[in-house]
Each structure stands twice: as C-alpha cells, then as structure tokens.
C-alpha atoms as a PDB file:
ATOM      1  CA  UNK A   1      -1.723 -21.930 -35.245  1.00  0.00           C
ATOM      2  CA  UNK A   2       0.077 -18.886 -36.670  1.00  0.00           C
ATOM      3  CA  UNK A   3       2.339 -16.741 -34.542  1.00  0.00           C
ATOM      4  CA  UNK A   4       0.773 -13.431 -33.523  1.00  0.00           C
ATOM      5  CA  UNK A   5       2.927 -10.444 -34.443  1.00  0.00           C
ATOM      6  CA  UNK A   6       2.531  -6.729 -33.987  1.00  0.00           C
ATOM      7  CA  UNK A   7       1.170  -4.949 -37.089  1.00  0.00           C
ATOM      8  CA  UNK A   8       4.272  -2.727 -36.995  1.00  0.00           C
ATOM      9  CA  UNK A   9       7.190  -5.009 -36.120  1.00  0.00           C
ATOM     10  CA  UNK A  10       9.771  -2.280 -36.759  1.00  0.00           C
ATOM     11  CA  UNK A  11       8.313   0.016 -34.089  1.00  0.00           C
ATOM     12  CA  UNK A  12      10.671   0.462 -31.175  1.00  0.00           C
ATOM     13  CA  UNK A  13       9.411  -1.321 -28.120  1.00  0.00           C
ATOM     14  CA  UNK A  14       7.848  -4.268 -29.889  1.00  0.00           C
ATOM     15  CA  UNK A  15      11.169  -6.109 -29.754  1.00  0.00           C
ATOM     16  CA  UNK A  16      14.168  -5.184 -27.669  1.00  0.00           C
ATOM     17  CA  UNK A  17      17.166  -4.236 -29.799  1.00  0.00           C
ATOM     18  CA  UNK A  18      19.618  -5.311 -27.125  1.00  0.00           C
ATOM     19  CA  UNK A  19      19.282  -6.971 -23.748  1.00  0.00           C
ATOM     20  CA  UNK A  20      18.796  -4.738 -20.724  1.00  0.00           C
ATOM     21  CA  UNK A  21      21.921  -3.971 -18.742  1.00  0.00           C
ATOM     22  CA  UNK A  22      21.528  -4.344 -15.001  1.00  0.00           C
ATOM     23  CA  UNK A  23      23.874  -2.167 -13.018  1.00  0.00           C
ATOM     24  CA  UNK A  24      24.271  -2.855  -9.358  1.00  0.00           C
ATOM     25  CA  UNK A  25      25.073  -0.053  -6.981  1.00  0.00           C
ATOM     26  CA  UNK A  26      27.784  -0.645  -4.455  1.00  0.00           C
ATOM     27  CA  UNK A  27      26.556  -1.072  -0.908  1.00  0.00           C
ATOM     28  CA  UNK A  28      27.485   1.697   1.502  1.00  0.00           C
ATOM     29  CA  UNK A  29      29.650   0.978   4.470  1.00  0.00           C
ATOM     30  CA  UNK A  30      27.569   0.754   7.656  1.00  0.00           C
ATOM     31  CA  UNK A  31      29.151   3.874   9.193  1.00  0.00           C
ATOM     32  CA  UNK A  32      28.466   5.985   6.093  1.00  0.00           C
ATOM     33  CA  UNK A  33      24.927   4.624   5.850  1.00  0.00           C
ATOM     34  CA  UNK A  34      24.159   5.451   9.491  1.00  0.00           C
ATOM     35  CA  UNK A  35      25.602   8.929   9.001  1.00  0.00           C
ATOM     36  CA  UNK A  36      23.268   9.500   6.054  1.00  0.00           C
ATOM     37  CA  UNK A  37      20.335   8.172   8.081  1.00  0.00           C
ATOM     38  CA  UNK A  38      21.154  10.637  10.874  1.00  0.00           C
ATOM     39  CA  UNK A  39      21.320  13.503   8.368  1.00  0.00           C
ATOM     40  CA  UNK A  40      17.982  12.586   6.813  1.00  0.00           C
ATOM     41  CA  UNK A  41      16.307  12.168  10.208  1.00  0.00           C
ATOM     42  CA  UNK A  42      17.404  15.701  11.043  1.00  0.00           C
ATOM     43  CA  UNK A  43      15.442  16.946   7.997  1.00  0.00           C
ATOM     44  CA  UNK A  44      12.157  15.357   9.164  1.00  0.00           C
ATOM     45  CA  UNK A  45       9.437  17.766  10.322  1.00  0.00           C
ATOM     46  CA  UNK A  46       8.365  16.097  13.576  1.00  0.00           C
ATOM     47  CA  UNK A  47       4.861  16.883  14.931  1.00  0.00           C
ATOM     48  CA  UNK A  48       4.436  18.716  18.198  1.00  0.00           C
ATOM     49  CA  UNK A  49       3.054  16.887  21.223  1.00  0.00           C
ATOM     50  CA  UNK A  50      -0.400  18.461  20.810  1.00  0.00           C
ATOM     51  CA  UNK A  51      -0.520  17.549  17.093  1.00  0.00           C
ATOM     52  CA  UNK A  52       0.492  14.000  17.929  1.00  0.00           C
ATOM     53  CA  UNK A  53      -2.175  13.644  20.634  1.00  0.00           C
ATOM     54  CA  UNK A  54      -4.948  15.093  18.454  1.00  0.00           C
ATOM     55  CA  UNK A  55      -4.000  12.865  15.504  1.00  0.00           C
ATOM     56  CA  UNK A  56      -3.924   9.809  17.770  1.00  0.00           C
ATOM     57  CA  UNK A  57      -7.386  10.629  19.154  1.00  0.00           C
ATOM     58  CA  UNK A  58      -8.742  11.018  15.604  1.00  0.00           C
ATOM     59  CA  UNK A  59      -7.315   7.633  14.596  1.00  0.00           C
ATOM     60  CA  UNK A  60      -8.691   5.858  17.678  1.00  0.00           C
ATOM     61  CA  UNK A  61     -12.177   7.404  17.366  1.00  0.00           C
ATOM     62  CA  UNK A  62     -12.315   6.678  13.629  1.00  0.00           C
ATOM     63  CA  UNK A  63     -11.255   3.069  14.223  1.00  0.00           C
ATOM     64  CA  UNK A  64     -13.926   2.567  16.883  1.00  0.00           C
ATOM     65  CA  UNK A  65     -16.664   4.137  14.740  1.00  0.00           C
ATOM     66  CA  UNK A  66     -15.646   2.112  11.691  1.00  0.00           C
ATOM     67  CA  UNK A  67     -15.618  -1.071  13.774  1.00  0.00           C
ATOM     68  CA  UNK A  68     -19.116  -0.351  15.053  1.00  0.00           C
ATOM     69  CA  UNK A  69     -20.333   0.395  11.511  1.00  0.00           C
ATOM     70  CA  UNK A  70     -18.841  -2.818  10.095  1.00  0.00           C
ATOM     71  CA  UNK A  71     -20.264  -4.816  13.016  1.00  0.00           C
ATOM     72  CA  UNK A  72     -23.768  -3.440  12.410  1.00  0.00           C
ATOM     73  CA  UNK A  73     -23.500  -4.115   8.671  1.00  0.00           C
ATOM     74  CA  UNK A  74     -22.354  -7.674   9.382  1.00  0.00           C
ATOM     75  CA  UNK A  75     -25.217  -8.244  11.810  1.00  0.00           C
ATOM     76  CA  UNK A  76     -27.843  -6.862   9.411  1.00  0.00           C
ATOM     77  CA  UNK A  77     -26.524  -8.789   6.413  1.00  0.00           C
ATOM     78  CA  UNK A  78     -26.154 -12.076   8.291  1.00  0.00           C
ATOM     79  CA  UNK A  79     -29.706 -11.801   9.652  1.00  0.00           C
ATOM     80  CA  UNK A  80     -30.961 -10.951   6.149  1.00  0.00           C
ATOM     81  CA  UNK A  81     -29.230 -13.948   4.610  1.00  0.00           C
ATOM     82  CA  UNK A  82     -30.543 -16.213   7.378  1.00  0.00           C
ATOM     83  CA  UNK A  83     -34.100 -14.973   6.688  1.00  0.00           C
ATOM     84  CA  UNK A  84     -33.679 -15.609   2.957  1.00  0.00           C
ATOM     85  CA  UNK A  85     -32.401 -19.143   3.311  1.00  0.00           C
ATOM     86  CA  UNK A  86     -34.721 -19.982   6.200  1.00  0.00           C
ATOM     87  CA  UNK A  87     -32.053 -20.536   8.775  1.00  0.00           C
ATOM     88  CA  UNK A  88     -32.256 -19.905  12.482  1.00  0.00           C
ATOM     89  CA  UNK A  89     -30.536 -16.917  14.030  1.00  0.00           C
END
C-alpha cells in the first residue's frame, strides 16, 4: 500500500522543520507562592451574605426540581419499555 502524503508537502505545518523545544519554568519557593496566592485572593470579588444565600437557594431548588423531573422521566420510560416487551412492573 502506498504512503499517503499531503498534496502540498512543502506547506508549513505538514512536517515539522525542527523538533519542539520544551522549556520548563522554575518552581516558585513555597513562601513566594503563598504570597502570590494571598495577593490574588485579595483581588477576588467575594459575594455578600445575601447573594450567597440566594444563590444557594437557587441551586438547591433547581437540583430538587431536576431530580424530580429525571425521576418522572425514568418512571415513565421504564413503564413504557416494560409494556413494549411484555414485562411485569
């Protein structure tokens, strides 16, 4: 079987001209890293208590409603399949 080649073998990207060079960054010292973490955490826009509570309520209610919806769909589909194949509930 013949080797498959690109119709334009001289096009850049079809063959790498040179191997990729992998440069590794030096690891930060733990103290410097923690200092940078502290600086970045100071830049975070933290939600207020009321925003946090309202978002939590939305997540909990949505999760419950989605669970109920998926449960009903599962029940309906399983009963439908059982009717089609003649099984017993």
